[in-house]
Full PDB file with SEQRES, HELIX, SHEET, SSBOND, CRYST1, ORIGX, SCALE, CONECT and MASTER records, all heavy atoms in Angstrom:
SEQRES   1 A   31  PRO MET ALA ILE PHE PHE PRO LEU PHE THR LEU LEU GLU          
SEQRES   2 A   31  ASP PHE GLY TYR LEU PRO ARG VAL ALA PHE ASN LEU ASP          
SEQRES   3 A   31  GLU LEU PHE ARG ARG                                          
HELIX    1 AA1 MET A    2  PHE A   15  1                                  14    
HELIX    2 AA2 LEU A   18  ARG A   30  1                                  13    
CRYST1    1.000    1.000    1.000  90.00  90.00  90.00 P 1           1          
ORIGX1      1.000000  0.000000  0.000000        0.00000                         
ORIGX2      0.000000  1.000000  0.000000        0.00000                         
ORIGX3      0.000000  0.000000  1.000000        0.00000                         
SCALE1      1.000000  0.000000  0.000000        0.00000                         
SCALE2      0.000000  1.000000  0.000000        0.00000                         
SCALE3      0.000000  0.000000  1.000000        0.00000                         
ATOM      1  N   PRO A   1       0.808  -1.226   0.000  1.00  0.00           N  
ATOM      2  CA  PRO A   1       0.000   0.000   0.000  1.00  0.00           C  
ATOM      3  C   PRO A   1       0.836   1.269   0.000  1.00  0.00           C  
ATOM      4  O   PRO A   1       0.474   2.258  -0.644  1.00  0.00           O  
ATOM      5  CB  PRO A   1      -0.838  -0.123   1.284  1.00  0.00           C  
ATOM      6  CG  PRO A   1      -0.157  -1.134   2.124  1.00  0.00           C  
ATOM      7  CD  PRO A   1       0.512  -2.060   1.180  1.00  0.00           C  
ATOM      8  N   MET A   2       1.979   1.271   0.708  1.00  0.00           N  
ATOM      9  CA  MET A   2       2.816   2.467   0.723  1.00  0.00           C  
ATOM     10  C   MET A   2       3.445   2.712  -0.642  1.00  0.00           C  
ATOM     11  O   MET A   2       3.571   3.860  -1.082  1.00  0.00           O  
ATOM     12  CB  MET A   2       3.909   2.341   1.782  1.00  0.00           C  
ATOM     13  CG  MET A   2       3.415   2.478   3.207  1.00  0.00           C  
ATOM     14  SD  MET A   2       4.753   2.745   4.389  1.00  0.00           S  
ATOM     15  CE  MET A   2       5.756   1.298   4.123  1.00  0.00           C  
ATOM     16  N   ALA A   3       3.858   1.638  -1.321  1.00  0.00           N  
ATOM     17  CA  ALA A   3       4.483   1.778  -2.629  1.00  0.00           C  
ATOM     18  C   ALA A   3       3.502   2.308  -3.675  1.00  0.00           C  
ATOM     19  O   ALA A   3       3.920   2.819  -4.717  1.00  0.00           O  
ATOM     20  CB  ALA A   3       5.047   0.429  -3.084  1.00  0.00           C  
ATOM     21  N   ILE A   4       2.208   2.187  -3.415  1.00  0.00           N  
ATOM     22  CA  ILE A   4       1.191   2.734  -4.313  1.00  0.00           C  
ATOM     23  C   ILE A   4       0.737   4.115  -3.851  1.00  0.00           C  
ATOM     24  O   ILE A   4       0.656   5.065  -4.633  1.00  0.00           O  
ATOM     25  CB  ILE A   4      -0.022   1.781  -4.398  1.00  0.00           C  
ATOM     26  CG1 ILE A   4       0.408   0.432  -5.001  1.00  0.00           C  
ATOM     27  CG2 ILE A   4      -1.148   2.394  -5.227  1.00  0.00           C  
ATOM     28  CD1 ILE A   4      -0.665  -0.631  -4.941  1.00  0.00           C  
ATOM     29  N   PHE A   5       0.452   4.245  -2.543  1.00  0.00           N  
ATOM     30  CA  PHE A   5      -0.124   5.484  -2.031  1.00  0.00           C  
ATOM     31  C   PHE A   5       0.850   6.662  -2.131  1.00  0.00           C  
ATOM     32  O   PHE A   5       0.482   7.744  -2.603  1.00  0.00           O  
ATOM     33  CB  PHE A   5      -0.551   5.299  -0.570  1.00  0.00           C  
ATOM     34  CG  PHE A   5      -1.018   6.569   0.088  1.00  0.00           C  
ATOM     35  CD1 PHE A   5      -2.290   7.052  -0.139  1.00  0.00           C  
ATOM     36  CD2 PHE A   5      -0.179   7.295   0.920  1.00  0.00           C  
ATOM     37  CE1 PHE A   5      -2.728   8.227   0.452  1.00  0.00           C  
ATOM     38  CE2 PHE A   5      -0.599   8.460   1.521  1.00  0.00           C  
ATOM     39  CZ  PHE A   5      -1.880   8.926   1.287  1.00  0.00           C  
ATOM     40  N   PHE A   6       2.086   6.470  -1.691  1.00  0.00           N  
ATOM     41  CA  PHE A   6       3.017   7.593  -1.636  1.00  0.00           C  
ATOM     42  C   PHE A   6       3.366   8.166  -3.009  1.00  0.00           C  
ATOM     43  O   PHE A   6       3.423   9.390  -3.165  1.00  0.00           O  
ATOM     44  CB  PHE A   6       4.278   7.210  -0.860  1.00  0.00           C  
ATOM     45  CG  PHE A   6       4.026   6.991   0.606  1.00  0.00           C  
ATOM     46  CD1 PHE A   6       4.700   6.013   1.301  1.00  0.00           C  
ATOM     47  CD2 PHE A   6       3.101   7.756   1.289  1.00  0.00           C  
ATOM     48  CE1 PHE A   6       4.463   5.805   2.654  1.00  0.00           C  
ATOM     49  CE2 PHE A   6       2.841   7.560   2.632  1.00  0.00           C  
ATOM     50  CZ  PHE A   6       3.529   6.582   3.314  1.00  0.00           C  
ATOM     51  N   PRO A   7       3.617   7.343  -4.051  1.00  0.00           N  
ATOM     52  CA  PRO A   7       3.826   7.947  -5.373  1.00  0.00           C  
ATOM     53  C   PRO A   7       2.614   8.736  -5.869  1.00  0.00           C  
ATOM     54  O   PRO A   7       2.776   9.814  -6.452  1.00  0.00           O  
ATOM     55  CB  PRO A   7       4.098   6.729  -6.267  1.00  0.00           C  
ATOM     56  CG  PRO A   7       4.669   5.713  -5.356  1.00  0.00           C  
ATOM     57  CD  PRO A   7       3.925   5.899  -4.061  1.00  0.00           C  
ATOM     58  N   LEU A   8       1.408   8.213  -5.632  1.00  0.00           N  
ATOM     59  CA  LEU A   8       0.214   8.944  -6.057  1.00  0.00           C  
ATOM     60  C   LEU A   8       0.084  10.270  -5.319  1.00  0.00           C  
ATOM     61  O   LEU A   8      -0.217  11.315  -5.921  1.00  0.00           O  
ATOM     62  CB  LEU A   8      -1.037   8.087  -5.817  1.00  0.00           C  
ATOM     63  CG  LEU A   8      -1.180   6.828  -6.684  1.00  0.00           C  
ATOM     64  CD1 LEU A   8      -2.382   6.005  -6.226  1.00  0.00           C  
ATOM     65  CD2 LEU A   8      -1.311   7.193  -8.150  1.00  0.00           C  
ATOM     66  N   PHE A   9       0.320  10.244  -4.008  1.00  0.00           N  
ATOM     67  CA  PHE A   9       0.232  11.463  -3.207  1.00  0.00           C  
ATOM     68  C   PHE A   9       1.314  12.457  -3.631  1.00  0.00           C  
ATOM     69  O   PHE A   9       1.077  13.668  -3.702  1.00  0.00           O  
ATOM     70  CB  PHE A   9       0.391  11.107  -1.727  1.00  0.00           C  
ATOM     71  CG  PHE A   9      -0.063  12.185  -0.786  1.00  0.00           C  
ATOM     72  CD1 PHE A   9      -1.408  12.377  -0.545  1.00  0.00           C  
ATOM     73  CD2 PHE A   9       0.845  12.997  -0.135  1.00  0.00           C  
ATOM     74  CE1 PHE A   9      -1.847  13.356   0.332  1.00  0.00           C  
ATOM     75  CE2 PHE A   9       0.428  13.984   0.738  1.00  0.00           C  
ATOM     76  CZ  PHE A   9      -0.930  14.163   0.974  1.00  0.00           C  
ATOM     77  N   THR A  10       2.514  11.950  -3.931  1.00  0.00           N  
ATOM     78  CA  THR A  10       3.608  12.820  -4.356  1.00  0.00           C  
ATOM     79  C   THR A  10       3.321  13.441  -5.715  1.00  0.00           C  
ATOM     80  O   THR A  10       3.682  14.599  -5.971  1.00  0.00           O  
ATOM     81  CB  THR A  10       4.929  12.028  -4.414  1.00  0.00           C  
ATOM     82  OG1 THR A  10       5.149  11.387  -3.157  1.00  0.00           O  
ATOM     83  CG2 THR A  10       6.107  12.952  -4.697  1.00  0.00           C  
ATOM     84  N   LEU A  11       2.673  12.694  -6.609  1.00  0.00           N  
ATOM     85  CA  LEU A  11       2.294  13.254  -7.909  1.00  0.00           C  
ATOM     86  C   LEU A  11       1.341  14.431  -7.742  1.00  0.00           C  
ATOM     87  O   LEU A  11       1.483  15.461  -8.412  1.00  0.00           O  
ATOM     88  CB  LEU A  11       1.652  12.174  -8.785  1.00  0.00           C  
ATOM     89  CG  LEU A  11       2.599  11.133  -9.393  1.00  0.00           C  
ATOM     90  CD1 LEU A  11       1.806  10.009 -10.042  1.00  0.00           C  
ATOM     91  CD2 LEU A  11       3.521  11.787 -10.418  1.00  0.00           C  
ATOM     92  N   LEU A  12       0.368  14.301  -6.833  1.00  0.00           N  
ATOM     93  CA  LEU A  12      -0.543  15.421  -6.559  1.00  0.00           C  
ATOM     94  C   LEU A  12       0.218  16.607  -5.976  1.00  0.00           C  
ATOM     95  O   LEU A  12      -0.076  17.762  -6.288  1.00  0.00           O  
ATOM     96  CB  LEU A  12      -1.638  14.975  -5.580  1.00  0.00           C  
ATOM     97  CG  LEU A  12      -2.698  14.003  -6.119  1.00  0.00           C  
ATOM     98  CD1 LEU A  12      -3.670  13.618  -5.003  1.00  0.00           C  
ATOM     99  CD2 LEU A  12      -3.447  14.614  -7.293  1.00  0.00           C  
ATOM    100  N   GLU A  13       1.183  16.308  -5.123  1.00  0.00           N  
ATOM    101  CA  GLU A  13       1.991  17.360  -4.506  1.00  0.00           C  
ATOM    102  C   GLU A  13       2.816  18.093  -5.554  1.00  0.00           C  
ATOM    103  O   GLU A  13       2.849  19.330  -5.602  1.00  0.00           O  
ATOM    104  CB  GLU A  13       2.899  16.732  -3.449  1.00  0.00           C  
ATOM    105  CG  GLU A  13       3.844  17.692  -2.763  1.00  0.00           C  
ATOM    106  CD  GLU A  13       4.744  16.970  -1.780  1.00  0.00           C  
ATOM    107  OE1 GLU A  13       4.318  15.958  -1.196  1.00  0.00           O  
ATOM    108  OE2 GLU A  13       5.888  17.421  -1.603  1.00  0.00           O  
ATOM    109  N   ASP A  14       3.512  17.336  -6.415  1.00  0.00           N  
ATOM    110  CA  ASP A  14       4.366  17.949  -7.427  1.00  0.00           C  
ATOM    111  C   ASP A  14       3.560  18.696  -8.480  1.00  0.00           C  
ATOM    112  O   ASP A  14       4.035  19.684  -9.048  1.00  0.00           O  
ATOM    113  CB  ASP A  14       5.224  16.879  -8.106  1.00  0.00           C  
ATOM    114  CG  ASP A  14       6.289  16.315  -7.172  1.00  0.00           C  
ATOM    115  OD1 ASP A  14       6.493  16.924  -6.099  1.00  0.00           O  
ATOM    116  OD2 ASP A  14       6.899  15.288  -7.508  1.00  0.00           O  
ATOM    117  N   PHE A  15       2.362  18.228  -8.752  1.00  0.00           N  
ATOM    118  CA  PHE A  15       1.499  18.913  -9.711  1.00  0.00           C  
ATOM    119  C   PHE A  15       1.080  20.280  -9.198  1.00  0.00           C  
ATOM    120  O   PHE A  15       0.788  21.187  -9.976  1.00  0.00           O  
ATOM    121  CB  PHE A  15       0.270  18.038  -9.985  1.00  0.00           C  
ATOM    122  CG  PHE A  15      -0.717  18.656 -10.936  1.00  0.00           C  
ATOM    123  CD1 PHE A  15      -0.371  18.942 -12.246  1.00  0.00           C  
ATOM    124  CD2 PHE A  15      -2.004  18.953 -10.517  1.00  0.00           C  
ATOM    125  CE1 PHE A  15      -1.276  19.510 -13.124  1.00  0.00           C  
ATOM    126  CE2 PHE A  15      -2.926  19.530 -11.377  1.00  0.00           C  
ATOM    127  CZ  PHE A  15      -2.559  19.805 -12.684  1.00  0.00           C  
ATOM    128  N   GLY A  16       1.090  20.458  -7.871  1.00  0.00           N  
ATOM    129  CA  GLY A  16       0.703  21.740  -7.285  1.00  0.00           C  
ATOM    130  C   GLY A  16      -0.695  21.747  -6.718  1.00  0.00           C  
ATOM    131  O   GLY A  16      -1.270  22.818  -6.476  1.00  0.00           O  
ATOM    132  N   TYR A  17      -1.254  20.557  -6.476  1.00  0.00           N  
ATOM    133  CA  TYR A  17      -2.643  20.505  -6.011  1.00  0.00           C  
ATOM    134  C   TYR A  17      -2.775  20.741  -4.507  1.00  0.00           C  
ATOM    135  O   TYR A  17      -3.788  21.272  -4.046  1.00  0.00           O  
ATOM    136  CB  TYR A  17      -3.274  19.162  -6.378  1.00  0.00           C  
ATOM    137  CG  TYR A  17      -4.729  19.073  -5.976  1.00  0.00           C  
ATOM    138  CD1 TYR A  17      -5.678  19.888  -6.573  1.00  0.00           C  
ATOM    139  CD2 TYR A  17      -5.143  18.208  -4.965  1.00  0.00           C  
ATOM    140  CE1 TYR A  17      -7.009  19.832  -6.191  1.00  0.00           C  
ATOM    141  CE2 TYR A  17      -6.475  18.143  -4.581  1.00  0.00           C  
ATOM    142  CZ  TYR A  17      -7.399  18.959  -5.195  1.00  0.00           C  
ATOM    143  OH  TYR A  17      -8.701  18.910  -4.805  1.00  0.00           O  
ATOM    144  N   LEU A  18      -1.772  20.367  -3.716  1.00  0.00           N  
ATOM    145  CA  LEU A  18      -1.891  20.508  -2.262  1.00  0.00           C  
ATOM    146  C   LEU A  18      -2.147  21.944  -1.811  1.00  0.00           C  
ATOM    147  O   LEU A  18      -2.935  22.166  -0.893  1.00  0.00           O  
ATOM    148  CB  LEU A  18      -0.653  19.938  -1.569  1.00  0.00           C  
ATOM    149  CG  LEU A  18      -0.536  18.412  -1.545  1.00  0.00           C  
ATOM    150  CD1 LEU A  18       0.619  17.992  -0.658  1.00  0.00           C  
ATOM    151  CD2 LEU A  18      -1.824  17.766  -1.058  1.00  0.00           C  
ATOM    152  N   PRO A  19      -1.480  22.963  -2.399  1.00  0.00           N  
ATOM    153  CA  PRO A  19      -1.819  24.337  -1.998  1.00  0.00           C  
ATOM    154  C   PRO A  19      -3.275  24.687  -2.281  1.00  0.00           C  
ATOM    155  O   PRO A  19      -3.859  25.508  -1.578  1.00  0.00           O  
ATOM    156  CB  PRO A  19      -0.864  25.198  -2.828  1.00  0.00           C  
ATOM    157  CG  PRO A  19       0.271  24.296  -3.144  1.00  0.00           C  
ATOM    158  CD  PRO A  19      -0.335  22.938  -3.312  1.00  0.00           C  
ATOM    159  N   ARG A  20      -3.864  24.064  -3.293  1.00  0.00           N  
ATOM    160  CA  ARG A  20      -5.285  24.313  -3.579  1.00  0.00           C  
ATOM    161  C   ARG A  20      -6.158  23.706  -2.476  1.00  0.00           C  
ATOM    162  O   ARG A  20      -7.188  24.281  -2.113  1.00  0.00           O  
ATOM    163  CB  ARG A  20      -5.665  23.711  -4.931  1.00  0.00           C  
ATOM    164  CG  ARG A  20      -5.389  24.625  -6.124  1.00  0.00           C  
ATOM    165  CD  ARG A  20      -3.943  24.753  -6.467  1.00  0.00           C  
ATOM    166  NE  ARG A  20      -3.683  25.765  -7.478  1.00  0.00           N  
ATOM    167  CZ  ARG A  20      -2.477  26.063  -7.920  1.00  0.00           C  
ATOM    168  NH1 ARG A  20      -1.412  25.424  -7.457  1.00  0.00           N  
ATOM    169  NH2 ARG A  20      -2.290  27.018  -8.810  1.00  0.00           N  
ATOM    170  N   VAL A  21      -5.737  22.565  -1.942  1.00  0.00           N  
ATOM    171  CA  VAL A  21      -6.439  21.994  -0.790  1.00  0.00           C  
ATOM    172  C   VAL A  21      -6.368  22.961   0.380  1.00  0.00           C  
ATOM    173  O   VAL A  21      -7.358  23.204   1.080  1.00  0.00           O  
ATOM    174  CB  VAL A  21      -5.828  20.627  -0.412  1.00  0.00           C  
ATOM    175  CG1 VAL A  21      -6.457  20.097   0.866  1.00  0.00           C  
ATOM    176  CG2 VAL A  21      -6.031  19.626  -1.549  1.00  0.00           C  
ATOM    177  N   ALA A  22      -5.168  23.529   0.603  1.00  0.00           N  
ATOM    178  CA  ALA A  22      -4.993  24.501   1.688  1.00  0.00           C  
ATOM    179  C   ALA A  22      -5.881  25.723   1.464  1.00  0.00           C  
ATOM    180  O   ALA A  22      -6.484  26.255   2.407  1.00  0.00           O  
ATOM    181  CB  ALA A  22      -3.529  24.912   1.788  1.00  0.00           C  
ATOM    182  N   PHE A  23      -5.957  26.177   0.217  1.00  0.00           N  
ATOM    183  CA  PHE A  23      -6.786  27.337  -0.104  1.00  0.00           C  
ATOM    184  C   PHE A  23      -8.253  27.043   0.200  1.00  0.00           C  
ATOM    185  O   PHE A  23      -8.961  27.871   0.777  1.00  0.00           O  
ATOM    186  CB  PHE A  23      -6.603  27.699  -1.578  1.00  0.00           C  
ATOM    187  CG  PHE A  23      -7.411  28.882  -2.023  1.00  0.00           C  
ATOM    188  CD1 PHE A  23      -6.922  30.168  -1.872  1.00  0.00           C  
ATOM    189  CD2 PHE A  23      -8.667  28.717  -2.590  1.00  0.00           C  
ATOM    190  CE1 PHE A  23      -7.669  31.268  -2.270  1.00  0.00           C  
ATOM    191  CE2 PHE A  23      -9.422  29.795  -2.996  1.00  0.00           C  
ATOM    192  CZ  PHE A  23      -8.921  31.081  -2.835  1.00  0.00           C  
ATOM    193  N   ASN A  24      -8.711  25.863  -0.180  1.00  0.00           N  
ATOM    194  CA  ASN A  24     -10.106  25.490   0.059  1.00  0.00           C  
ATOM    195  C   ASN A  24     -10.421  25.412   1.549  1.00  0.00           C  
ATOM    196  O   ASN A  24     -11.546  25.710   1.975  1.00  0.00           O  
ATOM    197  CB  ASN A  24     -10.414  24.144  -0.602  1.00  0.00           C  
ATOM    198  CG  ASN A  24     -10.396  24.224  -2.122  1.00  0.00           C  
ATOM    199  OD1 ASN A  24     -10.610  25.288  -2.706  1.00  0.00           O  
ATOM    200  ND2 ASN A  24     -10.126  23.100  -2.768  1.00  0.00           N  
ATOM    201  N   LEU A  25      -9.439  24.996   2.353  1.00  0.00           N  
ATOM    202  CA  LEU A  25      -9.660  24.809   3.789  1.00  0.00           C  
ATOM    203  C   LEU A  25      -9.362  26.054   4.615  1.00  0.00           C  
ATOM    204  O   LEU A  25      -9.644  26.075   5.818  1.00  0.00           O  
ATOM    205  CB  LEU A  25      -8.789  23.649   4.295  1.00  0.00           C  
ATOM    206  CG  LEU A  25      -9.102  22.257   3.737  1.00  0.00           C  
ATOM    207  CD1 LEU A  25      -8.075  21.252   4.235  1.00  0.00           C  
ATOM    208  CD2 LEU A  25     -10.504  21.821   4.135  1.00  0.00           C  
ATOM    209  N   ASP A  26      -8.790  27.082   3.989  1.00  0.00           N  
ATOM    210  CA  ASP A  26      -8.346  28.260   4.740  1.00  0.00           C  
ATOM    211  C   ASP A  26      -9.468  28.898   5.551  1.00  0.00           C  
ATOM    212  O   ASP A  26      -9.309  29.231   6.725  1.00  0.00           O  
ATOM    213  CB  ASP A  26      -7.734  29.281   3.772  1.00  0.00           C  
ATOM    214  CG  ASP A  26      -7.439  30.608   4.448  1.00  0.00           C  
ATOM    215  OD1 ASP A  26      -6.753  30.588   5.493  1.00  0.00           O  
ATOM    216  OD2 ASP A  26      -7.886  31.655   3.941  1.00  0.00           O  
ATOM    217  N   GLU A  27     -10.616  29.084   4.951  1.00  0.00           N  
ATOM    218  CA  GLU A  27     -11.723  29.746   5.644  1.00  0.00           C  
ATOM    219  C   GLU A  27     -12.181  28.926   6.848  1.00  0.00           C  
ATOM    220  O   GLU A  27     -12.520  29.495   7.902  1.00  0.00           O  
ATOM    221  CB  GLU A  27     -12.898  29.949   4.674  1.00  0.00           C  
ATOM    222  CG  GLU A  27     -14.135  30.580   5.293  1.00  0.00           C  
ATOM    223  CD  GLU A  27     -13.891  31.996   5.806  1.00  0.00           C  
ATOM    224  OE1 GLU A  27     -12.886  32.621   5.407  1.00  0.00           O  
ATOM    225  OE2 GLU A  27     -14.710  32.482   6.613  1.00  0.00           O  
ATOM    226  N   LEU A  28     -12.169  27.597   6.722  1.00  0.00           N  
ATOM    227  CA  LEU A  28     -12.572  26.754   7.846  1.00  0.00           C  
ATOM    228  C   LEU A  28     -11.583  26.867   9.000  1.00  0.00           C  
ATOM    229  O   LEU A  28     -11.983  26.896  10.170  1.00  0.00           O  
ATOM    230  CB  LEU A  28     -12.691  25.295   7.385  1.00  0.00           C  
ATOM    231  CG  LEU A  28     -13.773  25.005   6.342  1.00  0.00           C  
ATOM    232  CD1 LEU A  28     -13.730  23.544   5.924  1.00  0.00           C  
ATOM    233  CD2 LEU A  28     -15.157  25.348   6.900  1.00  0.00           C  
ATOM    234  N   PHE A  29     -10.294  26.936   8.688  1.00  0.00           N  
ATOM    235  CA  PHE A  29      -9.306  27.119   9.744  1.00  0.00           C  
ATOM    236  C   PHE A  29      -9.482  28.474  10.418  1.00  0.00           C  
ATOM    237  O   PHE A  29      -9.346  28.600  11.633  1.00  0.00           O  
ATOM    238  CB  PHE A  29      -7.890  26.989   9.179  1.00  0.00           C  
ATOM    239  CG  PHE A  29      -7.397  25.569   9.113  1.00  0.00           C  
ATOM    240  CD1 PHE A  29      -7.347  24.894   7.915  1.00  0.00           C  
ATOM    241  CD2 PHE A  29      -6.997  24.907  10.264  1.00  0.00           C  
ATOM    242  CE1 PHE A  29      -6.904  23.584   7.852  1.00  0.00           C  
ATOM    243  CE2 PHE A  29      -6.555  23.598  10.217  1.00  0.00           C  
ATOM    244  CZ  PHE A  29      -6.507  22.930   9.006  1.00  0.00           C  
ATOM    245  N   ARG A  30      -9.746  29.504   9.628  1.00  0.00           N  
ATOM    246  CA  ARG A  30      -9.938  30.835  10.202  1.00  0.00           C  
ATOM    247  C   ARG A  30     -11.131  30.845  11.149  1.00  0.00           C  
ATOM    248  O   ARG A  30     -11.064  31.402  12.242  1.00  0.00           O  
ATOM    249  CB  ARG A  30     -10.140  31.868   9.082  1.00  0.00           C  
ATOM    250  CG  ARG A  30     -10.169  33.310   9.576  1.00  0.00           C  
ATOM    251  CD  ARG A  30     -10.606  34.246   8.467  1.00  0.00           C  
ATOM    252  NE  ARG A  30     -11.983  34.015   8.080  1.00  0.00           N  
ATOM    253  CZ  ARG A  30     -13.040  34.461   8.770  1.00  0.00           C  
ATOM    254  NH1 ARG A  30     -12.871  35.140   9.894  1.00  0.00           N  
ATOM    255  NH2 ARG A  30     -14.261  34.215   8.345  1.00  0.00           N  
ATOM    256  N   ARG A  31     -12.225  30.203  10.744  1.00  0.00           N  
ATOM    257  CA  ARG A  31     -13.415  30.170  11.593  1.00  0.00           C  
ATOM    258  C   ARG A  31     -13.188  29.359  12.867  1.00  0.00           C  
ATOM    259  O   ARG A  31     -13.837  29.605  13.882  1.00  0.00           O  
ATOM    260  CB  ARG A  31     -14.594  29.591  10.818  1.00  0.00           C  
ATOM    261  CG  ARG A  31     -15.088  30.494   9.703  1.00  0.00           C  
ATOM    262  CD  ARG A  31     -16.353  29.942   9.068  1.00  0.00           C  
ATOM    263  NE  ARG A  31     -16.841  30.812   8.013  1.00  0.00           N  
ATOM    264  CZ  ARG A  31     -17.980  30.608   7.351  1.00  0.00           C  
ATOM    265  NH1 ARG A  31     -18.737  29.561   7.649  1.00  0.00           N  
ATOM    266  NH2 ARG A  31     -18.348  31.445   6.398  1.00  0.00           N  
TER     267      ARG A  31                                                      
MASTER        0    0    0    2    0    0    0    6  266    1    0    3          
END                                                                             
C-alpha cells in the first residue's frame, strides 16, 4: 500500500494541487 499510495500522493503534490487543498480549507481554519 505504501508503494502505491506515496507515489500517487507525491504526484498530486508535485502537480501543485496541495496548496489548492490549503486554499479550500483556509476559511474553515480561520473560523
